[in-house]
Amino acid sequence: MVNRNRRNFKKTIAYYISDYGYGHAVRSVAIIRELLEKEPSLYIIICHSFAIPFLKNSLPFKQVSIREVSTDIGYFLKKQSLEPDKVKLKESFDIFFKDWKSKMEKEEDFLISNKVDIVISDISPLPFEAATKAGIPSVGISNFTWYSAYELLLDKERLERLKQAYERMTSFFLLAGNNERNWLGDKRDFSFFSRKIEDEKVEEILDKVNPSRKKTVIFFGLGMKINHINVSSLPIWDSKDCVFIVSSNVRMEGDNVFSIPADETESQHYIAASDLVITKAGWGTVSEAVIYDVPLLLLNRDGMKEDQNTIAFVLKHALGEVMEWNEFLDFRYERGKRERKTSNGFRNQVDVIVDELLLFLF
């Protein structure tokens, strides 16, 4: 049980966050910050295990506590590849769901004993059945479910377990690029959202990496869970008049390469400072690039349905281009610097989403 003095808080939220990488944690931070800004009397219990230090540093508020619990399994990738490892995924899936009944009983007890008023999940399947049994409304927030993400990777019997979990959502807040089945319950459509930026911090980054403002700033990130690929020999680093911002897990050094510090929590400023973002089609990075009007070059991964849906959305709205990984191995950027950023018409919808969430509580 999470200990706290309830007298100062009007409502309690149990916020479940996927354990796969940092993307789900990053966008959940955006929602939680906005929730507390609009309604400081909320108490939020985060249920998660992978990115706890990041969450603690990003949300140092008395209204937030963290309960360590494994929420899902995510993807597994083949060595030196961005492609999924189906064998390892099946093994891990079976382990995670082996004691599903006892997991549900534990979650139901947690929700009841902590007098939770609403469950929000991005997009762990763990809490929905427990919330239903406890009589608590639940909201899924995502551009996908693990059911749809695994459709090309798992058999129908395994998928059915996920289907049964997601069918219990009270409401599903569907994000840009989703291509979900017609889940039961209420469904609401939203576009992109992200953490907010401070213009001064963006300028500070540019003063460091591109003081003349004449070079092309390229953000290169494969995601914090993809650290098994050697990128140091790629010709991209030799692109003329370019400087690179890389995530801390990218093993690359050079006079034109600037690594984001490992303890940096506000990486959205580095994306906003860039002229181009090169990344896999992870929704969080794509969303921040779109909101801050930075073109995308997305690296395609076969077998990742979530990626394909995001790529299709980006191409449909002319927000970037896509390239196969094998093609990228020989790629240099040669287009030169854009004179100025132009608006793509998308705005940060974090405030709209939070307003809808608060309607469940007040």
Protein backbone atom coordinates (compact mmCIF):
# COMPACT_ATOMS: atom_id res chain seq x y z
CA MET A 1 0.00 0.00 0.00
CA VAL A 2 1.16 3.51 -0.80
CA ASN A 3 1.26 5.54 2.39
CA ARG A 4 0.10 9.12 2.41
CA ASN A 5 -2.04 11.64 4.24
CA ARG A 6 -5.26 11.80 2.20
CA ARG A 7 -6.70 14.89 3.85
CA ASN A 8 -5.08 17.35 1.45
CA PHE A 9 -6.10 15.53 -1.74
CA LYS A 10 -9.53 15.50 -3.37
CA LYS A 11 -9.08 12.64 -5.84
CA THR A 12 -6.61 9.81 -6.40
CA ILE A 13 -5.37 8.60 -9.79
CA ALA A 14 -3.53 5.33 -10.40
CA TYR A 15 -1.43 6.01 -13.50
CA TYR A 16 -0.01 2.87 -15.15
CA ILE A 17 2.87 3.40 -17.59
CA SER A 18 4.29 0.86 -20.03
CA ASP A 19 7.72 -0.45 -19.08
CA TYR A 20 8.97 -0.43 -22.68
CA GLY A 21 11.56 2.30 -23.09
CA TYR A 22 11.16 5.94 -22.16
CA GLY A 23 8.55 7.02 -24.72
CA HIS A 24 5.51 6.12 -22.65
CA ALA A 25 7.06 7.62 -19.52
CA VAL A 26 7.93 10.85 -21.36
CA ARG A 27 4.43 11.45 -22.66
CA SER A 28 2.91 10.44 -19.32
CA VAL A 29 5.03 13.13 -17.68
CA ALA A 30 3.40 15.67 -20.00
CA ILE A 31 -0.08 14.54 -18.92
CA ILE A 32 0.75 14.38 -15.21
CA ARG A 33 2.34 17.84 -15.19
CA GLU A 34 -0.73 19.31 -16.88
CA LEU A 35 -3.09 17.47 -14.51
CA LEU A 36 -1.35 18.91 -11.47
CA GLU A 37 -1.10 22.37 -13.00
CA LYS A 38 -4.85 22.45 -13.57
CA GLU A 39 -5.85 20.58 -10.39
CA PRO A 40 -3.15 20.63 -7.66
CA SER A 41 -5.43 18.74 -5.26
CA LEU A 42 -4.97 15.48 -7.19
CA TYR A 43 -2.86 12.63 -5.84
CA ILE A 44 -1.23 10.45 -8.50
CA ILE A 45 0.24 7.01 -7.89
CA ILE A 46 2.45 5.98 -10.81
CA CYS A 47 2.62 2.21 -11.40
CA HIS A 48 5.76 1.38 -13.37
CA SER A 49 9.23 -0.18 -13.08
CA PHE A 50 11.59 0.69 -15.96
CA ALA A 51 12.15 4.46 -15.88
CA ILE A 52 11.69 5.23 -12.19
CA PRO A 53 14.72 7.57 -11.80
CA PHE A 54 13.56 9.57 -14.82
CA LEU A 55 10.03 9.84 -13.43
CA LYS A 56 11.25 10.90 -10.00
CA ASN A 57 13.43 13.63 -11.48
CA SER A 58 10.70 14.79 -13.86
CA LEU A 59 7.91 14.82 -11.28
CA PRO A 60 9.40 15.97 -7.93
CA PHE A 61 6.00 16.81 -6.47
CA LYS A 62 4.38 15.92 -3.15
CA GLN A 63 1.27 14.87 -5.09
CA VAL A 64 3.15 12.07 -6.89
CA SER A 65 4.36 8.73 -5.58
CA ILE A 66 5.71 5.74 -7.47
CA ARG A 67 4.72 2.12 -6.93
CA GLU A 68 7.20 -0.26 -8.52
CA VAL A 69 5.39 -2.94 -10.51
CA SER A 70 6.09 -4.63 -13.85
CA THR A 71 3.40 -3.41 -16.25
CA ASP A 72 4.15 -5.16 -19.57
CA ILE A 73 7.00 -6.63 -21.64
CA GLY A 74 7.31 -4.45 -24.75
CA TYR A 75 9.43 -5.58 -27.69
CA PHE A 76 12.60 -7.62 -28.02
CA LEU A 77 14.96 -6.96 -30.93
CA LYS A 78 17.40 -9.17 -32.80
CA LYS A 79 21.10 -8.46 -32.36
CA GLN A 80 22.47 -5.57 -34.47
CA SER A 81 18.98 -5.00 -35.83
CA LEU A 82 15.82 -2.96 -35.38
CA GLU A 83 13.71 -6.02 -36.23
CA PRO A 84 11.62 -7.84 -33.57
CA ASP A 85 12.68 -11.14 -32.02
CA LYS A 86 9.47 -13.22 -32.09
CA VAL A 87 10.90 -16.16 -30.15
CA LYS A 88 12.02 -14.09 -27.20
CA LEU A 89 8.76 -12.15 -27.24
CA LYS A 90 6.69 -15.35 -26.95
CA GLU A 91 8.82 -16.64 -24.10
CA SER A 92 8.53 -13.38 -22.16
CA PHE A 93 4.81 -13.09 -22.89
CA ASP A 94 4.14 -16.52 -21.42
CA ILE A 95 6.12 -15.71 -18.29
CA PHE A 96 4.28 -12.40 -17.79
CA PHE A 97 0.81 -13.96 -18.19
CA LYS A 98 1.52 -17.20 -16.33
CA ASP A 99 0.19 -15.83 -13.02
CA TRP A 100 -2.32 -13.38 -14.52
CA LYS A 101 -5.10 -14.25 -12.08
CA SER A 102 -2.96 -13.47 -9.04
CA LYS A 103 -1.77 -10.27 -10.74
CA MET A 104 -5.40 -9.18 -11.15
CA GLU A 105 -6.18 -9.91 -7.52
CA LYS A 106 -3.15 -7.90 -6.40
CA GLU A 107 -4.09 -4.92 -8.58
CA GLU A 108 -7.70 -4.96 -7.43
CA ASP A 109 -6.58 -4.95 -3.80
CA PHE A 110 -4.20 -2.05 -4.51
CA LEU A 111 -6.91 0.03 -6.18
CA ILE A 112 -9.44 -0.55 -3.42
CA SER A 113 -7.07 -0.11 -0.47
CA ASN A 114 -5.76 3.17 -1.90
CA LYS A 115 -9.27 4.45 -2.66
CA VAL A 116 -8.37 5.14 -6.27
CA ASP A 117 -10.95 7.23 -8.14
CA ILE A 118 -9.75 6.59 -11.69
CA VAL A 119 -7.20 4.43 -13.49
CA ILE A 120 -5.22 5.84 -16.43
CA SER A 121 -2.98 3.56 -18.48
CA ASP A 122 -0.46 4.23 -21.27
CA ILE A 123 -0.91 1.51 -22.35
CA SER A 124 -0.32 -1.38 -19.97
CA PRO A 125 -3.02 -4.08 -20.06
CA LEU A 126 -2.47 -4.73 -16.36
CA PRO A 127 -5.08 -2.52 -14.63
CA PHE A 128 -8.23 -2.70 -16.74
CA GLU A 129 -9.73 -5.97 -15.48
CA ALA A 130 -8.87 -5.06 -11.90
CA ALA A 131 -10.44 -1.62 -12.28
CA THR A 132 -13.63 -3.15 -13.66
CA LYS A 133 -13.90 -5.58 -10.74
CA ALA A 134 -13.25 -2.74 -8.29
CA GLY A 135 -15.92 -0.57 -9.93
CA ILE A 136 -13.41 2.12 -10.93
CA PRO A 137 -13.46 3.90 -14.32
CA SER A 138 -10.38 3.38 -16.50
CA VAL A 139 -8.94 5.34 -19.41
CA GLY A 140 -6.38 4.09 -21.91
CA ILE A 141 -4.25 6.76 -23.58
CA SER A 142 -2.19 5.67 -26.58
CA ASN A 143 -1.70 5.48 -30.32
CA PHE A 144 -1.82 1.67 -30.05
CA THR A 145 -2.50 -1.27 -27.75
CA TRP A 146 -0.13 -4.15 -27.22
CA TYR A 147 -2.84 -6.25 -28.88
CA SER A 148 -2.46 -4.36 -32.16
CA ALA A 149 1.32 -4.05 -31.75
CA TYR A 150 1.67 -7.84 -31.47
CA GLU A 151 -0.81 -8.79 -34.23
CA LEU A 152 2.01 -9.65 -36.65
CA LEU A 153 4.17 -11.23 -33.94
CA LEU A 154 1.96 -13.48 -31.79
CA ASP A 155 -0.66 -16.19 -32.37
CA LYS A 156 -4.41 -15.71 -31.81
CA GLU A 157 -4.45 -17.52 -28.47
CA ARG A 158 -1.90 -15.18 -26.93
CA LEU A 159 -3.54 -12.14 -28.53
CA GLU A 160 -6.87 -13.14 -27.00
CA ARG A 161 -5.46 -12.56 -23.51
CA LEU A 162 -4.63 -8.99 -24.42
CA LYS A 163 -7.96 -8.50 -26.14
CA GLN A 164 -9.83 -9.51 -23.00
CA ALA A 165 -7.83 -7.00 -20.95
CA TYR A 166 -8.30 -4.03 -23.29
CA GLU A 167 -12.02 -4.75 -23.73
CA ARG A 168 -12.42 -3.65 -20.10
CA MET A 169 -11.35 -0.04 -20.73
CA THR A 170 -14.08 2.43 -19.81
CA SER A 171 -12.72 4.91 -22.35
CA PHE A 172 -9.91 4.94 -24.90
CA PHE A 173 -8.19 8.22 -25.77
CA LEU A 174 -6.82 7.44 -29.24
CA LEU A 175 -3.79 9.41 -30.39
CA ALA A 176 -2.53 10.46 -33.82
CA GLY A 177 -1.62 7.59 -36.12
CA ASN A 178 -3.66 4.92 -34.38
CA ASN A 179 -5.24 2.13 -36.40
CA GLU A 180 -7.05 0.26 -33.66
CA ARG A 181 -9.88 -2.24 -33.85
CA ASN A 182 -13.30 -1.10 -32.65
CA TRP A 183 -12.79 -1.64 -28.93
CA LEU A 184 -15.79 -1.72 -26.62
CA GLY A 185 -16.54 1.38 -24.60
CA ASP A 186 -16.18 5.10 -25.18
CA LYS A 187 -13.58 6.27 -27.70
CA ARG A 188 -12.19 9.78 -28.22
CA ASP A 189 -9.72 10.97 -30.84
CA PHE A 190 -6.82 13.33 -30.22
CA SER A 191 -3.80 14.46 -32.18
CA PHE A 192 -0.26 14.90 -30.79
CA PHE A 193 0.84 16.09 -27.38
CA SER A 194 4.18 16.49 -25.61
CA ARG A 195 6.02 18.14 -22.78
CA LYS A 196 6.20 21.90 -23.10
CA ILE A 197 9.40 23.81 -23.89
CA GLU A 198 11.06 26.99 -22.68
CA ASP A 199 12.38 29.09 -25.57
CA GLU A 200 15.41 30.21 -23.54
CA LYS A 201 16.56 26.60 -23.10
CA VAL A 202 16.29 25.98 -26.84
CA GLU A 203 18.47 29.04 -27.50
CA GLU A 204 21.01 27.86 -24.90
CA ILE A 205 21.32 24.55 -26.73
CA LEU A 206 21.79 26.31 -30.07
CA ASP A 207 24.44 28.58 -28.55
CA LYS A 208 26.37 25.44 -27.68
CA VAL A 209 25.91 23.25 -30.76
CA ASN A 210 25.38 25.84 -33.50
CA PRO A 211 26.51 29.29 -32.32
CA SER A 212 26.70 30.70 -35.86
CA ARG A 213 23.18 29.39 -36.62
CA LYS A 214 24.50 28.50 -40.10
CA LYS A 215 24.78 24.73 -39.75
CA THR A 216 22.07 22.11 -40.00
CA VAL A 217 21.28 20.60 -36.60
CA ILE A 218 20.27 16.94 -36.83
CA PHE A 219 18.81 15.03 -33.90
CA PHE A 220 19.67 11.33 -34.15
CA GLY A 221 18.01 8.93 -31.73
CA LEU A 222 17.01 5.29 -31.95
CA GLY A 223 15.30 5.13 -28.56
CA MET A 224 16.75 4.47 -25.14
CA LYS A 225 16.05 0.72 -25.31
CA ILE A 226 18.01 0.34 -28.55
CA ASN A 227 21.64 0.37 -27.50
CA HIS A 228 22.92 -2.74 -29.28
CA ILE A 229 23.61 -1.18 -32.70
CA ASN A 230 27.05 0.17 -33.62
CA VAL A 231 26.46 3.43 -35.48
CA SER A 232 29.97 4.90 -35.29
CA SER A 233 30.90 3.90 -38.86
CA LEU A 234 27.82 5.40 -40.52
CA PRO A 235 28.57 8.01 -43.23
CA ILE A 236 25.83 10.29 -41.85
CA TRP A 237 28.40 11.79 -39.44
CA ASP A 238 30.40 13.13 -42.40
CA SER A 239 27.49 15.18 -43.75
CA LYS A 240 28.73 18.63 -44.75
CA ASP A 241 27.87 21.61 -42.53
CA CYS A 242 25.91 19.47 -40.10
CA VAL A 243 26.07 19.06 -36.34
CA PHE A 244 24.42 16.21 -34.50
CA ILE A 245 22.54 15.88 -31.24
CA VAL A 246 22.41 12.26 -30.08
CA SER A 247 20.65 10.55 -27.21
CA SER A 248 22.95 9.46 -24.40
CA ASN A 249 22.83 5.77 -25.39
CA VAL A 250 24.19 6.45 -28.91
CA ARG A 251 27.87 5.50 -28.86
CA MET A 252 29.37 8.17 -31.09
CA GLU A 253 31.99 10.85 -30.52
CA GLY A 254 33.19 13.64 -32.78
CA ASP A 255 33.71 17.38 -33.03
CA ASN A 256 30.30 17.74 -34.65
CA VAL A 257 28.47 15.37 -32.26
CA PHE A 258 26.85 16.53 -29.03
CA SER A 259 25.44 13.93 -26.66
CA ILE A 260 22.45 14.72 -24.47
CA PRO A 261 23.58 14.25 -20.84
CA ALA A 262 22.37 10.98 -19.34
CA ASP A 263 20.69 12.82 -16.47
CA GLU A 264 18.85 15.27 -18.74
CA THR A 265 15.10 14.90 -18.32
CA GLU A 266 13.90 17.58 -20.76
CA SER A 267 15.06 16.22 -24.11
CA GLN A 268 12.18 17.94 -25.90
CA HIS A 269 14.31 21.10 -25.98
CA TYR A 270 16.96 19.32 -28.05
CA ILE A 271 14.36 18.19 -30.57
CA ALA A 272 12.92 21.70 -30.76
CA ALA A 273 16.43 23.04 -31.43
CA SER A 274 16.92 20.72 -34.42
CA ASP A 275 16.39 21.19 -38.15
CA LEU A 276 15.82 17.48 -38.76
CA VAL A 277 14.99 14.50 -36.55
CA ILE A 278 16.23 11.05 -37.61
CA THR A 279 14.61 8.31 -35.55
CA LYS A 280 12.67 5.08 -35.54
CA ALA A 281 8.94 5.74 -35.65
CA GLY A 282 8.51 6.02 -31.89
CA TRP A 283 5.41 8.09 -31.19
CA GLY A 284 6.90 10.24 -28.42
CA THR A 285 9.82 11.52 -30.49
CA VAL A 286 7.63 11.92 -33.56
CA SER A 287 5.09 13.89 -31.54
CA GLU A 288 7.68 16.31 -30.16
CA ALA A 289 9.15 16.85 -33.62
CA VAL A 290 5.74 17.52 -35.15
CA ILE A 291 4.61 19.90 -32.40
CA TYR A 292 7.83 21.91 -32.66
CA ASP A 293 7.77 21.95 -36.49
CA VAL A 294 10.84 19.79 -37.10
CA PRO A 295 10.80 17.54 -40.23
CA LEU A 296 11.27 13.82 -39.70
CA LEU A 297 13.32 11.11 -41.36
CA LEU A 298 11.87 7.87 -40.05
CA LEU A 299 13.80 4.59 -40.16
CA ASN A 300 11.50 1.75 -41.13
CA ARG A 301 11.26 -1.51 -39.16
CA ASP A 302 9.48 -4.51 -40.68
CA GLY A 303 7.04 -6.33 -38.42
CA MET A 304 6.34 -3.33 -36.19
CA LYS A 305 2.68 -2.51 -36.82
CA GLU A 306 2.77 0.48 -34.48
CA ASP A 307 5.64 1.94 -36.53
CA GLN A 308 3.81 1.42 -39.81
CA ASN A 309 0.74 3.29 -38.56
CA THR A 310 2.85 6.23 -37.38
CA ILE A 311 4.79 6.29 -40.65
CA ALA A 312 1.56 6.28 -42.66
CA PHE A 313 0.29 9.28 -40.66
CA VAL A 314 3.55 11.19 -41.09
CA LEU A 315 3.58 10.59 -44.85
CA LYS A 316 -0.13 11.42 -45.25
CA HIS A 317 0.35 14.80 -43.58
CA ALA A 318 3.74 15.54 -45.24
CA LEU A 319 5.52 15.69 -41.88
CA GLY A 320 8.60 13.81 -43.05
CA GLU A 321 10.05 10.96 -45.06
CA VAL A 322 10.80 7.29 -44.48
CA MET A 323 13.95 5.30 -45.21
CA GLU A 324 14.83 1.64 -44.90
CA TRP A 325 17.61 0.84 -42.44
CA ASN A 326 19.78 -0.73 -45.15
CA GLU A 327 19.42 2.43 -47.23
CA PHE A 328 20.32 4.59 -44.24
CA LEU A 329 23.61 2.73 -43.83
CA ASP A 330 24.91 4.71 -46.86
CA PHE A 331 23.07 7.97 -46.20
CA ARG A 332 24.56 11.46 -45.99
CA TYR A 333 22.50 14.61 -45.51
CA GLU A 334 23.09 16.95 -48.45
CA ARG A 335 20.08 19.27 -48.62
CA GLY A 336 21.48 22.25 -46.75
CA LYS A 337 19.92 24.27 -43.97
CA ARG A 338 16.31 25.48 -44.06
CA GLU A 339 16.00 29.24 -43.80
CA ARG A 340 13.20 29.12 -41.26
CA LYS A 341 10.77 26.70 -39.66
CA THR A 342 7.26 26.69 -41.08
CA SER A 343 4.19 25.65 -39.12
CA ASN A 344 2.72 22.26 -40.02
CA GLY A 345 -0.63 23.09 -38.40
CA PHE A 346 -0.39 20.68 -35.46
CA ARG A 347 -0.53 22.02 -31.90
CA ASN A 348 0.15 20.49 -28.51
CA GLN A 349 -3.11 18.93 -27.31
CA VAL A 350 -1.99 18.07 -23.79
CA ASP A 351 -4.38 20.66 -22.33
CA VAL A 352 -7.33 19.28 -24.32
CA ILE A 353 -6.62 15.71 -23.18
CA VAL A 354 -6.29 16.73 -19.54
CA ASP A 355 -9.55 18.69 -19.65
CA GLU A 356 -11.28 15.52 -20.83
CA LEU A 357 -9.64 13.43 -18.09
CA LEU A 358 -10.74 15.85 -15.39
CA LEU A 359 -14.36 15.40 -16.48
CA PHE A 360 -14.13 11.84 -15.13
CA LEU A 361 -13.20 13.21 -11.70
CA PHE A 362 -15.14 16.42 -11.15
